[in-house]
Amino acid sequence: MKFTPFKINSFLLFKLPSAFIVGARVKHISDKESIVKIKHRWINQNPFKSMFWAVQGMSAELSTGILVMQSIHNSGKKISMLVTNMDATFSKKATGKITFTCKQGEEINSVIEKAIKTKEGQTLVLTSEGVNTDGVVVSKFNFEWSLKLKQ
């Protein structure tokens, strides 16, 4: 299966409906990067009329997770994936359209190759930055992913 934005967004509708309902949409995926966009709306706002932090986190995690899923798929092996830690920094109110980008596809491929070769669990930290339409970073998320070859 080729990973395309349409296929991933359809997956969201059926397997991660909360991400779909709040408006997280994959706009681009390649071997090197993924881009997820989300627009501030009534359904995903906080009481301060900006995007709720958890909605930003969902979108950021999606941008990292789809790269991991794609790399696992391309490896042809059964590998478990799990977020084991997360930290975030918020630097500006998230309003309007926010774009979350992860550019670590090549690093993911290397870690998966190592997990397959050593048959030991591996961890890596993937970063996703949320940028508004003015090009200002509104949030930055770091997700620690644990990857382990299934026996």
C-alpha atoms as a PDB file:
ATOM      1  CA  MET A   1       0.000   0.000   0.000  1.00  0.00           C
ATOM      2  CA  LYS A   2       1.275   3.457  -0.857  1.00  0.00           C
ATOM      3  CA  PHE A   3       0.806   6.002   1.898  1.00  0.00           C
ATOM      4  CA  THR A   4      -1.119   8.973   0.506  1.00  0.00           C
ATOM      5  CA  PRO A   5      -2.840  11.857   2.278  1.00  0.00           C
ATOM      6  CA  PHE A   6      -6.239  10.577   1.089  1.00  0.00           C
ATOM      7  CA  LYS A   7      -5.651   7.070   2.464  1.00  0.00           C
ATOM      8  CA  ILE A   8      -4.335   8.368   5.782  1.00  0.00           C
ATOM      9  CA  ASN A   9      -7.210  10.827   6.185  1.00  0.00           C
ATOM     10  CA  SER A  10      -9.663   7.985   5.472  1.00  0.00           C
ATOM     11  CA  PHE A  11      -7.850   5.929   8.120  1.00  0.00           C
ATOM     12  CA  LEU A  12      -8.371   8.810  10.568  1.00  0.00           C
ATOM     13  CA  LEU A  13     -12.112   8.808   9.961  1.00  0.00           C
ATOM     14  CA  PHE A  14     -12.444   5.140  10.913  1.00  0.00           C
ATOM     15  CA  LYS A  15      -9.574   4.513  13.367  1.00  0.00           C
ATOM     16  CA  LEU A  16      -8.915   7.935  14.986  1.00  0.00           C
ATOM     17  CA  PRO A  17     -12.260   9.726  14.708  1.00  0.00           C
ATOM     18  CA  SER A  18     -11.396  12.358  17.323  1.00  0.00           C
ATOM     19  CA  ALA A  19      -8.494  13.596  15.155  1.00  0.00           C
ATOM     20  CA  PHE A  20     -10.781  13.634  12.126  1.00  0.00           C
ATOM     21  CA  ILE A  21     -13.580  15.490  13.928  1.00  0.00           C
ATOM     22  CA  VAL A  22     -11.316  18.284  15.208  1.00  0.00           C
ATOM     23  CA  GLY A  23      -9.987  18.786  11.676  1.00  0.00           C
ATOM     24  CA  ALA A  24      -6.463  17.298  11.589  1.00  0.00           C
ATOM     25  CA  ARG A  25      -5.630  16.497   7.953  1.00  0.00           C
ATOM     26  CA  VAL A  26      -2.514  15.069   6.364  1.00  0.00           C
ATOM     27  CA  LYS A  27      -1.473  17.309   3.481  1.00  0.00           C
ATOM     28  CA  HIS A  28       1.831  15.707   2.466  1.00  0.00           C
ATOM     29  CA  ILE A  29       3.875  12.602   3.173  1.00  0.00           C
ATOM     30  CA  SER A  30       7.160  11.455   1.663  1.00  0.00           C
ATOM     31  CA  ASP A  31      10.033   9.262   2.821  1.00  0.00           C
ATOM     32  CA  LYS A  32      11.611  12.297   4.482  1.00  0.00           C
ATOM     33  CA  GLU A  33       8.766  14.398   5.905  1.00  0.00           C
ATOM     34  CA  SER A  34       5.099  14.698   6.684  1.00  0.00           C
ATOM     35  CA  ILE A  35       2.832  17.712   6.981  1.00  0.00           C
ATOM     36  CA  VAL A  36      -0.412  17.867   8.957  1.00  0.00           C
ATOM     37  CA  LYS A  37      -2.637  20.948   8.895  1.00  0.00           C
ATOM     38  CA  ILE A  38      -5.390  21.976  11.230  1.00  0.00           C
ATOM     39  CA  LYS A  39      -7.547  25.085  11.405  1.00  0.00           C
ATOM     40  CA  HIS A  40      -8.652  26.758  14.615  1.00  0.00           C
ATOM     41  CA  ARG A  41     -12.421  26.279  14.861  1.00  0.00           C
ATOM     42  CA  TRP A  42     -15.116  26.232  17.506  1.00  0.00           C
ATOM     43  CA  ILE A  43     -14.835  22.437  17.950  1.00  0.00           C
ATOM     44  CA  ASN A  44     -11.113  22.554  18.807  1.00  0.00           C
ATOM     45  CA  GLN A  45     -10.801  25.766  20.796  1.00  0.00           C
ATOM     46  CA  ASN A  46     -10.036  26.371  24.441  1.00  0.00           C
ATOM     47  CA  PRO A  47     -11.779  28.993  26.636  1.00  0.00           C
ATOM     48  CA  PHE A  48      -9.165  31.566  25.547  1.00  0.00           C
ATOM     49  CA  LYS A  49     -10.265  31.378  21.891  1.00  0.00           C
ATOM     50  CA  SER A  50      -7.174  29.602  20.622  1.00  0.00           C
ATOM     51  CA  MET A  51      -6.556  25.983  19.695  1.00  0.00           C
ATOM     52  CA  PHE A  52      -6.665  23.558  22.634  1.00  0.00           C
ATOM     53  CA  TRP A  53      -3.212  22.167  23.452  1.00  0.00           C
ATOM     54  CA  ALA A  54      -4.376  18.548  23.102  1.00  0.00           C
ATOM     55  CA  VAL A  55      -5.610  19.199  19.554  1.00  0.00           C
ATOM     56  CA  GLN A  56      -2.191  20.589  18.693  1.00  0.00           C
ATOM     57  CA  GLY A  57      -0.626  17.508  20.283  1.00  0.00           C
ATOM     58  CA  MET A  58      -2.861  15.188  18.296  1.00  0.00           C
ATOM     59  CA  SER A  59      -1.850  16.880  15.053  1.00  0.00           C
ATOM     60  CA  ALA A  60       1.829  16.906  15.982  1.00  0.00           C
ATOM     61  CA  GLU A  61       1.782  13.231  16.992  1.00  0.00           C
ATOM     62  CA  LEU A  62       0.057  12.368  13.724  1.00  0.00           C
ATOM     63  CA  SER A  63       2.837  14.056  11.744  1.00  0.00           C
ATOM     64  CA  THR A  64       5.442  11.878  13.489  1.00  0.00           C
ATOM     65  CA  GLY A  65       3.386   8.692  13.733  1.00  0.00           C
ATOM     66  CA  ILE A  66       2.534   8.441  10.040  1.00  0.00           C
ATOM     67  CA  LEU A  67       6.234   8.598   9.176  1.00  0.00           C
ATOM     68  CA  VAL A  68       6.885   5.751  11.626  1.00  0.00           C
ATOM     69  CA  MET A  69       3.951   3.739  10.244  1.00  0.00           C
ATOM     70  CA  GLN A  70       5.146   4.258   6.673  1.00  0.00           C
ATOM     71  CA  SER A  71       8.705   3.205   7.519  1.00  0.00           C
ATOM     72  CA  ILE A  72       7.479   0.087   9.338  1.00  0.00           C
ATOM     73  CA  HIS A  73       5.290  -0.784   6.356  1.00  0.00           C
ATOM     74  CA  ASN A  74       8.187  -0.315   3.942  1.00  0.00           C
ATOM     75  CA  SER A  75      10.423  -2.577   6.081  1.00  0.00           C
ATOM     76  CA  GLY A  76       8.080  -5.523   5.549  1.00  0.00           C
ATOM     77  CA  LYS A  77       8.491  -6.515   9.213  1.00  0.00           C
ATOM     78  CA  LYS A  78       6.064  -6.526  12.115  1.00  0.00           C
ATOM     79  CA  ILE A  79       7.229  -3.819  14.481  1.00  0.00           C
ATOM     80  CA  SER A  80       5.366  -2.407  17.468  1.00  0.00           C
ATOM     81  CA  MET A  81       5.339   1.349  17.970  1.00  0.00           C
ATOM     82  CA  LEU A  82       4.438   3.252  21.115  1.00  0.00           C
ATOM     83  CA  VAL A  83       4.844   6.797  22.384  1.00  0.00           C
ATOM     84  CA  THR A  84       6.711   6.507  25.690  1.00  0.00           C
ATOM     85  CA  ASN A  85       7.254  10.187  26.449  1.00  0.00           C
ATOM     86  CA  MET A  86       6.197  13.604  25.185  1.00  0.00           C
ATOM     87  CA  ASP A  87       7.071  17.185  25.934  1.00  0.00           C
ATOM     88  CA  ALA A  88       5.847  20.389  24.392  1.00  0.00           C
ATOM     89  CA  THR A  89       6.580  24.092  24.300  1.00  0.00           C
ATOM     90  CA  PHE A  90       3.923  26.684  23.488  1.00  0.00           C
ATOM     91  CA  SER A  91       5.186  30.080  22.363  1.00  0.00           C
ATOM     92  CA  LYS A  92       2.151  31.824  20.848  1.00  0.00           C
ATOM     93  CA  LYS A  93      -1.641  31.439  20.726  1.00  0.00           C
ATOM     94  CA  ALA A  94      -2.602  28.979  18.000  1.00  0.00           C
ATOM     95  CA  THR A  95      -5.263  30.625  15.832  1.00  0.00           C
ATOM     96  CA  GLY A  96      -5.968  30.346  12.123  1.00  0.00           C
ATOM     97  CA  LYS A  97      -4.329  27.530  10.168  1.00  0.00           C
ATOM     98  CA  ILE A  98      -1.487  25.681  11.884  1.00  0.00           C
ATOM     99  CA  THR A  99       0.922  23.419   9.996  1.00  0.00           C
ATOM    100  CA  PHE A 100       2.766  20.645  11.853  1.00  0.00           C
ATOM    101  CA  THR A 101       5.845  19.268  10.123  1.00  0.00           C
ATOM    102  CA  CYS A 102       8.168  16.383  10.969  1.00  0.00           C
ATOM    103  CA  LYS A 103      11.303  16.060   8.807  1.00  0.00           C
ATOM    104  CA  GLN A 104      12.967  12.988  10.319  1.00  0.00           C
ATOM    105  CA  GLY A 105      11.968  10.215   7.911  1.00  0.00           C
ATOM    106  CA  GLU A 106      15.550   9.160   7.191  1.00  0.00           C
ATOM    107  CA  GLU A 107      16.344   8.934  10.912  1.00  0.00           C
ATOM    108  CA  ILE A 108      13.278   6.722  11.418  1.00  0.00           C
ATOM    109  CA  ASN A 109      14.429   4.377   8.651  1.00  0.00           C
ATOM    110  CA  SER A 110      17.863   4.035  10.295  1.00  0.00           C
ATOM    111  CA  VAL A 111      16.377   3.218  13.700  1.00  0.00           C
ATOM    112  CA  ILE A 112      14.012   0.645  12.209  1.00  0.00           C
ATOM    113  CA  GLU A 113      16.912  -1.001  10.352  1.00  0.00           C
ATOM    114  CA  LYS A 114      18.816  -1.147  13.654  1.00  0.00           C
ATOM    115  CA  ALA A 115      15.799  -2.669  15.449  1.00  0.00           C
ATOM    116  CA  ILE A 116      15.547  -5.354  12.771  1.00  0.00           C
ATOM    117  CA  LYS A 117      19.285  -6.050  12.738  1.00  0.00           C
ATOM    118  CA  THR A 118      19.787  -6.194  16.521  1.00  0.00           C
ATOM    119  CA  LYS A 119      16.325  -7.573  17.392  1.00  0.00           C
ATOM    120  CA  GLU A 120      16.368  -5.140  20.331  1.00  0.00           C
ATOM    121  CA  GLY A 121      13.916  -2.382  21.125  1.00  0.00           C
ATOM    122  CA  GLN A 122      14.955   1.082  19.967  1.00  0.00           C
ATOM    123  CA  THR A 123      13.816   4.559  20.909  1.00  0.00           C
ATOM    124  CA  LEU A 124      13.998   7.825  19.038  1.00  0.00           C
ATOM    125  CA  VAL A 125      12.727  11.330  19.616  1.00  0.00           C
ATOM    126  CA  LEU A 126      10.754  12.899  16.780  1.00  0.00           C
ATOM    127  CA  THR A 127      10.000  16.607  16.661  1.00  0.00           C
ATOM    128  CA  SER A 128       7.014  18.348  15.113  1.00  0.00           C
ATOM    129  CA  GLU A 129       6.771  22.121  14.916  1.00  0.00           C
ATOM    130  CA  GLY A 130       3.462  23.936  14.616  1.00  0.00           C
ATOM    131  CA  VAL A 131       3.708  27.081  12.492  1.00  0.00           C
ATOM    132  CA  ASN A 132       0.943  29.616  11.787  1.00  0.00           C
ATOM    133  CA  THR A 133       0.269  31.280   8.414  1.00  0.00           C
ATOM    134  CA  ASP A 134       2.657  34.130   9.315  1.00  0.00           C
ATOM    135  CA  GLY A 135       5.493  31.613   9.659  1.00  0.00           C
ATOM    136  CA  VAL A 136       5.641  31.973  13.453  1.00  0.00           C
ATOM    137  CA  VAL A 137       6.237  28.828  15.521  1.00  0.00           C
ATOM    138  CA  VAL A 138       3.299  28.461  17.932  1.00  0.00           C
ATOM    139  CA  SER A 139       4.241  25.103  19.447  1.00  0.00           C
ATOM    140  CA  LYS A 140       6.916  22.442  19.332  1.00  0.00           C
ATOM    141  CA  PHE A 141       6.367  18.815  20.355  1.00  0.00           C
ATOM    142  CA  ASN A 142       8.928  16.091  21.015  1.00  0.00           C
ATOM    143  CA  PHE A 143       7.638  12.514  21.001  1.00  0.00           C
ATOM    144  CA  GLU A 144       9.761   9.617  22.185  1.00  0.00           C
ATOM    145  CA  TRP A 145       8.794   6.557  20.149  1.00  0.00           C
ATOM    146  CA  SER A 146       9.664   3.025  21.197  1.00  0.00           C
ATOM    147  CA  LEU A 147      10.051   0.559  18.323  1.00  0.00           C
ATOM    148  CA  LYS A 148      10.424  -3.181  18.791  1.00  0.00           C
ATOM    149  CA  LEU A 149      10.505  -6.080  16.365  1.00  0.00           C
ATOM    150  CA  LYS A 150       7.639  -8.488  17.085  1.00  0.00           C
ATOM    151  CA  GLN A 151       8.663 -12.130  17.503  1.00  0.00           C
END
